[in-house]
Structures are given as structure tokens and as C-alpha cells.
Amino acid sequence: MNRNAKWILIGCLIIVFFVFTGEELMSQCPMCRISAESNLKDGGTQGKGLNKGILFMLTLPYLLVGTLGYIWWKNKRKFTEEIMTESFSDN
């Protein structure tokens, strides 16, 4: 495994670790948190999934950018290899 792939794998593992081990993360603004807490105290259930929903919405842009970056990197590498083989085969 080359050096860049190793660092990418380590970074992905760290991100996955933090996403799946963060049980009680405070990702709400103060007003949303007060509203959710008062809803739960009054017997409501709307505040239970609020943190997980916010974290879910937070991870989607990172996954999208990471996927697009990976696809771009693979295509660039493939394109570079094609150019190198064509330029050396012409001689």
C-alpha cells in the first residue's frame, strides 16, 4: 500500500470511529436544545432524534465531497498514465 492510500485509510477510520462512537454529542444551537429539552420534559418525543439528524446532515456533504474527490483522483491518475504510455510509445 502506498503512502497516500495509507493516510487516506487512517483518516477514514478516524472519521468512522468518531461518527459511530459519539453517543452524546452536542450539535444543537442553544435555542434548539432548550426547545428539545422542554419538549422531552413535557412528554414529547420530537427531541430524541434531533442530534442524530443534525449529525447525519453534517456528514452528507463530507461524504459527497470525499466521493467526488476520490473519483477525480482516480480519473486523473488514469488519464496521466494514458498520457505517459502514449508519449513513450510514440518514440
PDB file of N, CA and C in Angstrom:
ATOM      1  N   MET A   1       0.861  -1.174   0.000  1.00  0.00           N
ATOM      2  CA  MET A   1       0.000   0.000   0.000  1.00  0.00           C
ATOM      3  C   MET A   1       0.906   1.236   0.000  1.00  0.00           C
ATOM      4  N   ASN A   2       0.600   2.157  -0.893  1.00  0.00           N
ATOM      5  CA  ASN A   2       1.454   3.338  -0.956  1.00  0.00           C
ATOM      6  C   ASN A   2       1.141   4.309   0.188  1.00  0.00           C
ATOM      7  N   ARG A   3       1.952   5.318   0.292  1.00  0.00           N
ATOM      8  CA  ARG A   3       1.890   6.234   1.435  1.00  0.00           C
ATOM      9  C   ARG A   3       0.581   7.029   1.481  1.00  0.00           C
ATOM     10  N   ASN A   4       0.126   7.544   0.343  1.00  0.00           N
ATOM     11  CA  ASN A   4      -1.108   8.328   0.316  1.00  0.00           C
ATOM     12  C   ASN A   4      -2.319   7.488   0.664  1.00  0.00           C
ATOM     13  N   ALA A   5      -2.381   6.279   0.148  1.00  0.00           N
ATOM     14  CA  ALA A   5      -3.514   5.403   0.445  1.00  0.00           C
ATOM     15  C   ALA A   5      -3.552   5.062   1.936  1.00  0.00           C
ATOM     16  N   LYS A   6      -2.387   4.939   2.532  1.00  0.00           N
ATOM     17  CA  LYS A   6      -2.312   4.647   3.963  1.00  0.00           C
ATOM     18  C   LYS A   6      -2.903   5.799   4.778  1.00  0.00           C
ATOM     19  N   TRP A   7      -2.567   7.036   4.428  1.00  0.00           N
ATOM     20  CA  TRP A   7      -3.085   8.194   5.165  1.00  0.00           C
ATOM     21  C   TRP A   7      -4.577   8.384   4.929  1.00  0.00           C
ATOM     22  N   ILE A   8      -5.028   8.103   3.719  1.00  0.00           N
ATOM     23  CA  ILE A   8      -6.461   8.196   3.432  1.00  0.00           C
ATOM     24  C   ILE A   8      -7.224   7.161   4.250  1.00  0.00           C
ATOM     25  N   LEU A   9      -6.707   5.948   4.320  1.00  0.00           N
ATOM     26  CA  LEU A   9      -7.348   4.899   5.104  1.00  0.00           C
ATOM     27  C   LEU A   9      -7.384   5.256   6.589  1.00  0.00           C
ATOM     28  N   ILE A  10      -6.304   5.788   7.111  1.00  0.00           N
ATOM     29  CA  ILE A  10      -6.266   6.191   8.523  1.00  0.00           C
ATOM     30  C   ILE A  10      -7.269   7.308   8.786  1.00  0.00           C
ATOM     31  N   GLY A  11      -7.335   8.292   7.891  1.00  0.00           N
ATOM     32  CA  GLY A  11      -8.300   9.386   8.039  1.00  0.00           C
ATOM     33  C   GLY A  11      -9.735   8.886   8.015  1.00  0.00           C
ATOM     34  N   CYS A  12     -10.041   7.980   7.099  1.00  0.00           N
ATOM     35  CA  CYS A  12     -11.396   7.420   7.024  1.00  0.00           C
ATOM     36  C   CYS A  12     -11.738   6.634   8.280  1.00  0.00           C
ATOM     37  N   LEU A  13     -10.797   5.870   8.782  1.00  0.00           N
ATOM     38  CA  LEU A  13     -11.046   5.108  10.009  1.00  0.00           C
ATOM     39  C   LEU A  13     -11.287   6.024  11.200  1.00  0.00           C
ATOM     40  N   ILE A  14     -10.554   7.115  11.287  1.00  0.00           N
ATOM     41  CA  ILE A  14     -10.761   8.076  12.377  1.00  0.00           C
ATOM     42  C   ILE A  14     -12.141   8.703  12.278  1.00  0.00           C
ATOM     43  N   ILE A  15     -12.548   9.081  11.070  1.00  0.00           N
ATOM     44  CA  ILE A  15     -13.871   9.679  10.881  1.00  0.00           C
ATOM     45  C   ILE A  15     -14.966   8.688  11.257  1.00  0.00           C
ATOM     46  N   VAL A  16     -14.832   7.442  10.799  1.00  0.00           N
ATOM     47  CA  VAL A  16     -15.828   6.418  11.134  1.00  0.00           C
ATOM     48  C   VAL A  16     -15.862   6.192  12.638  1.00  0.00           C
ATOM     49  N   PHE A  17     -14.707   6.165  13.274  1.00  0.00           N
ATOM     50  CA  PHE A  17     -14.652   5.975  14.720  1.00  0.00           C
ATOM     51  C   PHE A  17     -15.422   7.069  15.448  1.00  0.00           C
ATOM     52  N   PHE A  18     -15.202   8.327  15.067  1.00  0.00           N
ATOM     53  CA  PHE A  18     -15.885   9.425  15.738  1.00  0.00           C
ATOM     54  C   PHE A  18     -17.374   9.456  15.445  1.00  0.00           C
ATOM     55  N   VAL A  19     -17.768   9.057  14.244  1.00  0.00           N
ATOM     56  CA  VAL A  19     -19.191   9.068  13.898  1.00  0.00           C
ATOM     57  C   VAL A  19     -19.945   8.008  14.690  1.00  0.00           C
ATOM     58  N   PHE A  20     -19.373   6.815  14.818  1.00  0.00           N
ATOM     59  CA  PHE A  20     -20.101   5.727  15.461  1.00  0.00           C
ATOM     60  C   PHE A  20     -19.904   5.645  16.970  1.00  0.00           C
ATOM     61  N   THR A  21     -18.915   6.329  17.523  1.00  0.00           N
ATOM     62  CA  THR A  21     -18.722   6.270  18.969  1.00  0.00           C
ATOM     63  C   THR A  21     -19.263   7.501  19.688  1.00  0.00           C
ATOM     64  N   GLY A  22     -19.590   8.534  18.974  1.00  0.00           N
ATOM     65  CA  GLY A  22     -20.095   9.754  19.600  1.00  0.00           C
ATOM     66  C   GLY A  22     -21.562   9.601  19.980  1.00  0.00           C
ATOM     67  N   GLU A  23     -21.825   9.131  21.164  1.00  0.00           N
ATOM     68  CA  GLU A  23     -23.204   8.891  21.590  1.00  0.00           C
ATOM     69  C   GLU A  23     -23.923  10.175  21.958  1.00  0.00           C
ATOM     70  N   GLU A  24     -23.310  10.988  22.773  1.00  0.00           N
ATOM     71  CA  GLU A  24     -23.984  12.193  23.261  1.00  0.00           C
ATOM     72  C   GLU A  24     -23.224  13.432  22.796  1.00  0.00           C
ATOM     73  N   LEU A  25     -23.342  13.760  21.541  1.00  0.00           N
ATOM     74  CA  LEU A  25     -22.678  14.938  21.007  1.00  0.00           C
ATOM     75  C   LEU A  25     -23.642  16.110  21.038  1.00  0.00           C
ATOM     76  N   MET A  26     -23.138  17.275  21.357  1.00  0.00           N
ATOM     77  CA  MET A  26     -23.964  18.470  21.420  1.00  0.00           C
ATOM     78  C   MET A  26     -23.831  19.223  20.107  1.00  0.00           C
ATOM     79  N   SER A  27     -24.708  18.937  19.179  1.00  0.00           N
ATOM     80  CA  SER A  27     -24.611  19.563  17.864  1.00  0.00           C
ATOM     81  C   SER A  27     -25.761  20.534  17.614  1.00  0.00           C
ATOM     82  N   GLN A  28     -26.390  20.975  18.662  1.00  0.00           N
ATOM     83  CA  GLN A  28     -27.527  21.864  18.514  1.00  0.00           C
ATOM     84  C   GLN A  28     -27.156  23.287  18.922  1.00  0.00           C
ATOM     85  N   CYS A  29     -27.882  24.218  18.347  1.00  0.00           N
ATOM     86  CA  CYS A  29     -27.744  25.585  18.822  1.00  0.00           C
ATOM     87  C   CYS A  29     -28.477  25.672  20.165  1.00  0.00           C
ATOM     88  N   PRO A  30     -28.169  26.646  20.986  1.00  0.00           N
ATOM     89  CA  PRO A  30     -28.800  26.730  22.309  1.00  0.00           C
ATOM     90  C   PRO A  30     -30.330  26.807  22.266  1.00  0.00           C
ATOM     91  N   MET A  31     -30.868  27.525  21.294  1.00  0.00           N
ATOM     92  CA  MET A  31     -32.326  27.645  21.227  1.00  0.00           C
ATOM     93  C   MET A  31     -32.981  26.309  20.869  1.00  0.00           C
ATOM     94  N   CYS A  32     -32.379  25.590  19.934  1.00  0.00           N
ATOM     95  CA  CYS A  32     -32.921  24.281  19.559  1.00  0.00           C
ATOM     96  C   CYS A  32     -32.814  23.307  20.726  1.00  0.00           C
ATOM     97  N   ARG A  33     -31.716  23.381  21.454  1.00  0.00           N
ATOM     98  CA  ARG A  33     -31.517  22.480  22.586  1.00  0.00           C
ATOM     99  C   ARG A  33     -32.559  22.750  23.670  1.00  0.00           C
ATOM    100  N   ILE A  34     -32.804  24.002  23.992  1.00  0.00           N
ATOM    101  CA  ILE A  34     -33.801  24.336  25.012  1.00  0.00           C
ATOM    102  C   ILE A  34     -35.181  23.875  24.564  1.00  0.00           C
ATOM    103  N   SER A  35     -35.497  24.079  23.303  1.00  0.00           N
ATOM    104  CA  SER A  35     -36.790  23.647  22.770  1.00  0.00           C
ATOM    105  C   SER A  35     -36.939  22.133  22.844  1.00  0.00           C
ATOM    106  N   ALA A  36     -35.879  21.400  22.459  1.00  0.00           N
ATOM    107  CA  ALA A  36     -35.937  19.934  22.502  1.00  0.00           C
ATOM    108  C   ALA A  36     -36.044  19.432  23.941  1.00  0.00           C
ATOM    109  N   GLU A  37     -35.294  20.038  24.864  1.00  0.00           N
ATOM    110  CA  GLU A  37     -35.358  19.611  26.269  1.00  0.00           C
ATOM    111  C   GLU A  37     -36.735  19.869  26.870  1.00  0.00           C
ATOM    112  N   SER A  38     -37.323  21.009  26.546  1.00  0.00           N
ATOM    113  CA  SER A  38     -38.653  21.289  27.089  1.00  0.00           C
ATOM    114  C   SER A  38     -39.696  20.358  26.480  1.00  0.00           C
ATOM    115  N   ASN A  39     -39.513  19.992  25.233  1.00  0.00           N
ATOM    116  CA  ASN A  39     -40.430  19.039  24.600  1.00  0.00           C
ATOM    117  C   ASN A  39     -40.329  17.684  25.284  1.00  0.00           C
ATOM    118  N   LEU A  40     -39.109  17.237  25.585  1.00  0.00           N
ATOM    119  CA  LEU A  40     -38.940  15.947  26.248  1.00  0.00           C
ATOM    120  C   LEU A  40     -39.491  15.965  27.674  1.00  0.00           C
ATOM    121  N   LYS A  41     -39.327  17.084  28.388  1.00  0.00           N
ATOM    122  CA  LYS A  41     -39.855  17.191  29.748  1.00  0.00           C
ATOM    123  C   LYS A  41     -41.378  17.151  29.763  1.00  0.00           C
ATOM    124  N   ASP A  42     -41.995  17.673  28.706  1.00  0.00           N
ATOM    125  CA  ASP A  42     -43.451  17.687  28.629  1.00  0.00           C
ATOM    126  C   ASP A  42     -44.020  16.373  28.102  1.00  0.00           C
ATOM    127  N   GLY A  43     -43.174  15.398  27.851  1.00  0.00           N
ATOM    128  CA  GLY A  43     -43.646  14.096  27.405  1.00  0.00           C
ATOM    129  C   GLY A  43     -43.587  13.899  25.900  1.00  0.00           C
ATOM    130  N   GLY A  44     -43.054  14.834  25.165  1.00  0.00           N
ATOM    131  CA  GLY A  44     -42.947  14.711  23.708  1.00  0.00           C
ATOM    132  C   GLY A  44     -41.776  13.828  23.309  1.00  0.00           C
ATOM    133  N   THR A  45     -41.764  13.422  22.069  1.00  0.00           N
ATOM    134  CA  THR A  45     -40.680  12.554  21.571  1.00  0.00           C
ATOM    135  C   THR A  45     -39.933  13.183  20.406  1.00  0.00           C
ATOM    136  N   GLN A  46     -40.212  14.415  20.073  1.00  0.00           N
ATOM    137  CA  GLN A  46     -39.590  15.038  18.909  1.00  0.00           C
ATOM    138  C   GLN A  46     -38.103  15.327  19.115  1.00  0.00           C
ATOM    139  N   GLY A  47     -37.672  15.550  20.323  1.00  0.00           N
ATOM    140  CA  GLY A  47     -36.287  15.922  20.578  1.00  0.00           C
ATOM    141  C   GLY A  47     -35.315  14.764  20.603  1.00  0.00           C
ATOM    142  N   LYS A  48     -35.806  13.532  20.631  1.00  0.00           N
ATOM    143  CA  LYS A  48     -34.906  12.376  20.762  1.00  0.00           C
ATOM    144  C   LYS A  48     -33.981  12.196  19.567  1.00  0.00           C
ATOM    145  N   GLY A  49     -34.483  12.374  18.383  1.00  0.00           N
ATOM    146  CA  GLY A  49     -33.665  12.139  17.198  1.00  0.00           C
ATOM    147  C   GLY A  49     -33.042  13.391  16.616  1.00  0.00           C
ATOM    148  N   LEU A  50     -33.156  14.496  17.311  1.00  0.00           N
ATOM    149  CA  LEU A  50     -32.674  15.762  16.762  1.00  0.00           C
ATOM    150  C   LEU A  50     -31.159  15.778  16.580  1.00  0.00           C
ATOM    151  N   ASN A  51     -30.415  15.337  17.582  1.00  0.00           N
ATOM    152  CA  ASN A  51     -28.949  15.312  17.466  1.00  0.00           C
ATOM    153  C   ASN A  51     -28.490  14.392  16.353  1.00  0.00           C
ATOM    154  N   LYS A  52     -29.087  13.203  16.271  1.00  0.00           N
ATOM    155  CA  LYS A  52     -28.678  12.257  15.228  1.00  0.00           C
ATOM    156  C   LYS A  52     -29.011  12.799  13.845  1.00  0.00           C
ATOM    157  N   GLY A  53     -30.132  13.486  13.720  1.00  0.00           N
ATOM    158  CA  GLY A  53     -30.492  14.089  12.445  1.00  0.00           C
ATOM    159  C   GLY A  53     -29.521  15.174  12.034  1.00  0.00           C
ATOM    160  N   ILE A  54     -29.111  15.988  12.988  1.00  0.00           N
ATOM    161  CA  ILE A  54     -28.155  17.059  12.696  1.00  0.00           C
ATOM    162  C   ILE A  54     -26.800  16.468  12.299  1.00  0.00           C
ATOM    163  N   LEU A  55     -26.354  15.445  13.018  1.00  0.00           N
ATOM    164  CA  LEU A  55     -25.082  14.812  12.678  1.00  0.00           C
ATOM    165  C   LEU A  55     -25.157  14.108  11.327  1.00  0.00           C
ATOM    166  N   PHE A  56     -26.288  13.510  11.026  1.00  0.00           N
ATOM    167  CA  PHE A  56     -26.468  12.861   9.732  1.00  0.00           C
ATOM    168  C   PHE A  56     -26.371  13.882   8.602  1.00  0.00           C
ATOM    169  N   MET A  57     -27.034  15.008   8.770  1.00  0.00           N
ATOM    170  CA  MET A  57     -26.973  16.050   7.745  1.00  0.00           C
ATOM    171  C   MET A  57     -25.573  16.646   7.636  1.00  0.00           C
ATOM    172  N   LEU A  58     -24.821  16.643   8.717  1.00  0.00           N
ATOM    173  CA  LEU A  58     -23.463  17.165   8.711  1.00  0.00           C
ATOM    174  C   LEU A  58     -22.517  16.244   7.938  1.00  0.00           C
ATOM    175  N   THR A  59     -22.732  14.933   8.008  1.00  0.00           N
ATOM    176  CA  THR A  59     -21.812  14.004   7.352  1.00  0.00           C
ATOM    177  C   THR A  59     -22.037  13.900   5.856  1.00  0.00           C
ATOM    178  N   LEU A  60     -23.236  14.158   5.381  1.00  0.00           N
ATOM    179  CA  LEU A  60     -23.501  14.001   3.954  1.00  0.00           C
ATOM    180  C   LEU A  60     -22.635  14.892   3.062  1.00  0.00           C
ATOM    181  N   PRO A  61     -22.445  16.179   3.352  1.00  0.00           N
ATOM    182  CA  PRO A  61     -21.556  16.971   2.480  1.00  0.00           C
ATOM    183  C   PRO A  61     -20.124  16.451   2.464  1.00  0.00           C
ATOM    184  N   TYR A  62     -19.632  15.979   3.609  1.00  0.00           N
ATOM    185  CA  TYR A  62     -18.274  15.446   3.648  1.00  0.00           C
ATOM    186  C   TYR A  62     -18.160  14.169   2.818  1.00  0.00           C
ATOM    187  N   LEU A  63     -19.167  13.311   2.902  1.00  0.00           N
ATOM    188  CA  LEU A  63     -19.152  12.094   2.093  1.00  0.00           C
ATOM    189  C   LEU A  63     -19.231  12.425   0.603  1.00  0.00           C
ATOM    190  N   LEU A  64     -20.051  13.390   0.242  1.00  0.00           N
ATOM    191  CA  LEU A  64     -20.185  13.781  -1.154  1.00  0.00           C
ATOM    192  C   LEU A  64     -18.877  14.353  -1.695  1.00  0.00           C
ATOM    193  N   VAL A  65     -18.275  15.269  -0.973  1.00  0.00           N
ATOM    194  CA  VAL A  65     -17.008  15.867  -1.416  1.00  0.00           C
ATOM    195  C   VAL A  65     -15.902  14.811  -1.451  1.00  0.00           C
ATOM    196  N   GLY A  66     -15.863  13.942  -0.465  1.00  0.00           N
ATOM    197  CA  GLY A  66     -14.864  12.875  -0.449  1.00  0.00           C
ATOM    198  C   GLY A  66     -15.018  11.919  -1.616  1.00  0.00           C
ATOM    199  N   THR A  67     -16.251  11.560  -1.936  1.00  0.00           N
ATOM    200  CA  THR A  67     -16.503  10.669  -3.066  1.00  0.00           C
ATOM    201  C   THR A  67     -16.120  11.333  -4.381  1.00  0.00           C
ATOM    202  N   LEU A  68     -16.519  12.573  -4.556  1.00  0.00           N
ATOM    203  CA  LEU A  68     -16.150  13.285  -5.784  1.00  0.00           C
ATOM    204  C   LEU A  68     -14.636  13.458  -5.888  1.00  0.00           C
ATOM    205  N   GLY A  69     -13.978  13.749  -4.782  1.00  0.00           N
ATOM    206  CA  GLY A  69     -12.518  13.870  -4.786  1.00  0.00           C
ATOM    207  C   GLY A  69     -11.837  12.565  -5.148  1.00  0.00           C
ATOM    208  N   TYR A  70     -12.360  11.450  -4.639  1.00  0.00           N
ATOM    209  CA  TYR A  70     -11.786  10.143  -4.943  1.00  0.00           C
ATOM    210  C   TYR A  70     -11.966   9.814  -6.430  1.00  0.00           C
ATOM    211  N   ILE A  71     -13.161  10.077  -6.967  1.00  0.00           N
ATOM    212  CA  ILE A  71     -13.420   9.812  -8.385  1.00  0.00           C
ATOM    213  C   ILE A  71     -12.508  10.685  -9.245  1.00  0.00           C
ATOM    214  N   TRP A  72     -12.353  11.973  -8.878  1.00  0.00           N
ATOM    215  CA  TRP A  72     -11.474  12.862  -9.624  1.00  0.00           C
ATOM    216  C   TRP A  72     -10.037  12.359  -9.583  1.00  0.00           C
ATOM    217  N   TRP A  73      -9.571  11.930  -8.398  1.00  0.00           N
ATOM    218  CA  TRP A  73      -8.205  11.452  -8.232  1.00  0.00           C
ATOM    219  C   TRP A  73      -7.955  10.205  -9.081  1.00  0.00           C
ATOM    220  N   LYS A  74      -8.915   9.266  -9.090  1.00  0.00           N
ATOM    221  CA  LYS A  74      -8.748   8.051  -9.878  1.00  0.00           C
ATOM    222  C   LYS A  74      -8.711   8.365 -11.378  1.00  0.00           C
ATOM    223  N   ASN A  75      -9.617   9.237 -11.825  1.00  0.00           N
ATOM    224  CA  ASN A  75      -9.637   9.584 -13.249  1.00  0.00           C
ATOM    225  C   ASN A  75      -8.390  10.361 -13.656  1.00  0.00           C
ATOM    226  N   LYS A  76      -7.902  11.235 -12.792  1.00  0.00           N
ATOM    227  CA  LYS A  76      -6.693  11.996 -13.101  1.00  0.00           C
ATOM    228  C   LYS A  76      -5.498  11.056 -13.207  1.00  0.00           C
ATOM    229  N   ARG A  77      -5.426  10.113 -12.300  1.00  0.00           N
ATOM    230  CA  ARG A  77      -4.334   9.150 -12.308  1.00  0.00           C
ATOM    231  C   ARG A  77      -4.391   8.282 -13.575  1.00  0.00           C
ATOM    232  N   LYS A  78      -5.584   7.848 -13.944  1.00  0.00           N
ATOM    233  CA  LYS A  78      -5.762   7.037 -15.143  1.00  0.00           C
ATOM    234  C   LYS A  78      -5.390   7.842 -16.393  1.00  0.00           C
ATOM    235  N   PHE A  79      -5.841   9.089 -16.437  1.00  0.00           N
ATOM    236  CA  PHE A  79      -5.543   9.966 -17.576  1.00  0.00           C
ATOM    237  C   PHE A  79      -4.036  10.219 -17.682  1.00  0.00           C
ATOM    238  N   THR A  80      -3.379  10.437 -16.555  1.00  0.00           N
ATOM    239  CA  THR A  80      -1.929  10.676 -16.547  1.00  0.00           C
ATOM    240  C   THR A  80      -1.176   9.443 -17.039  1.00  0.00           C
ATOM    241  N   GLU A  81      -1.616   8.264 -16.608  1.00  0.00           N
ATOM    242  CA  GLU A  81      -0.958   7.036 -17.059  1.00  0.00           C
ATOM    243  C   GLU A  81      -1.133   6.842 -18.570  1.00  0.00           C
ATOM    244  N   GLU A  82      -2.322   7.177 -19.093  1.00  0.00           N
ATOM    245  CA  GLU A  82      -2.551   7.057 -20.535  1.00  0.00           C
ATOM    246  C   GLU A  82      -1.651   8.012 -21.314  1.00  0.00           C
ATOM    247  N   ILE A  83      -1.503   9.230 -20.829  1.00  0.00           N
ATOM    248  CA  ILE A  83      -0.640  10.203 -21.500  1.00  0.00           C
ATOM    249  C   ILE A  83       0.803   9.730 -21.486  1.00  0.00           C
ATOM    250  N   MET A  84       1.233   9.205 -20.344  1.00  0.00           N
ATOM    251  CA  MET A  84       2.621   8.750 -20.236  1.00  0.00           C
ATOM    252  C   MET A  84       2.888   7.576 -21.174  1.00  0.00           C
ATOM    253  N   THR A  85       1.961   6.646 -21.281  1.00  0.00           N
ATOM    254  CA  THR A  85       2.180   5.495 -22.164  1.00  0.00           C
ATOM    255  C   THR A  85       2.139   5.924 -23.639  1.00  0.00           C
ATOM    256  N   GLU A  86       1.266   6.889 -23.982  1.00  0.00           N
ATOM    257  CA  GLU A  86       1.203   7.359 -25.356  1.00  0.00           C
ATOM    258  C   GLU A  86       2.450   8.134 -25.737  1.00  0.00           C
ATOM    259  N   SER A  87       2.953   8.961 -24.842  1.00  0.00           N
ATOM    260  CA  SER A  87       4.128   9.783 -25.177  1.00  0.00           C
ATOM    261  C   SER A  87       5.376   8.908 -25.301  1.00  0.00           C
ATOM    262  N   PHE A  88       5.490   7.851 -24.540  1.00  0.00           N
ATOM    263  CA  PHE A  88       6.652   6.976 -24.643  1.00  0.00           C
ATOM    264  C   PHE A  88       6.535   5.995 -25.803  1.00  0.00           C
ATOM    265  N   SER A  89       5.307   5.675 -26.210  1.00  0.00           N
ATOM    266  CA  SER A  89       5.154   4.726 -27.323  1.00  0.00           C
ATOM    267  C   SER A  89       5.360   5.386 -28.674  1.00  0.00           C
ATOM    268  N   ASP A  90       5.256   6.723 -28.738  1.00  0.00           N
ATOM    269  CA  ASP A  90       5.445   7.436 -29.993  1.00  0.00           C
ATOM    270  C   ASP A  90       6.912   7.460 -30.415  1.00  0.00           C
ATOM    271  N   ASN A  91       7.824   7.390 -29.471  1.00  0.00           N
ATOM    272  CA  ASN A  91       9.252   7.490 -29.780  1.00  0.00           C
ATOM    273  C   ASN A  91       9.758   6.249 -30.413  1.00  0.00           C
TER     274      ASN A  91
END
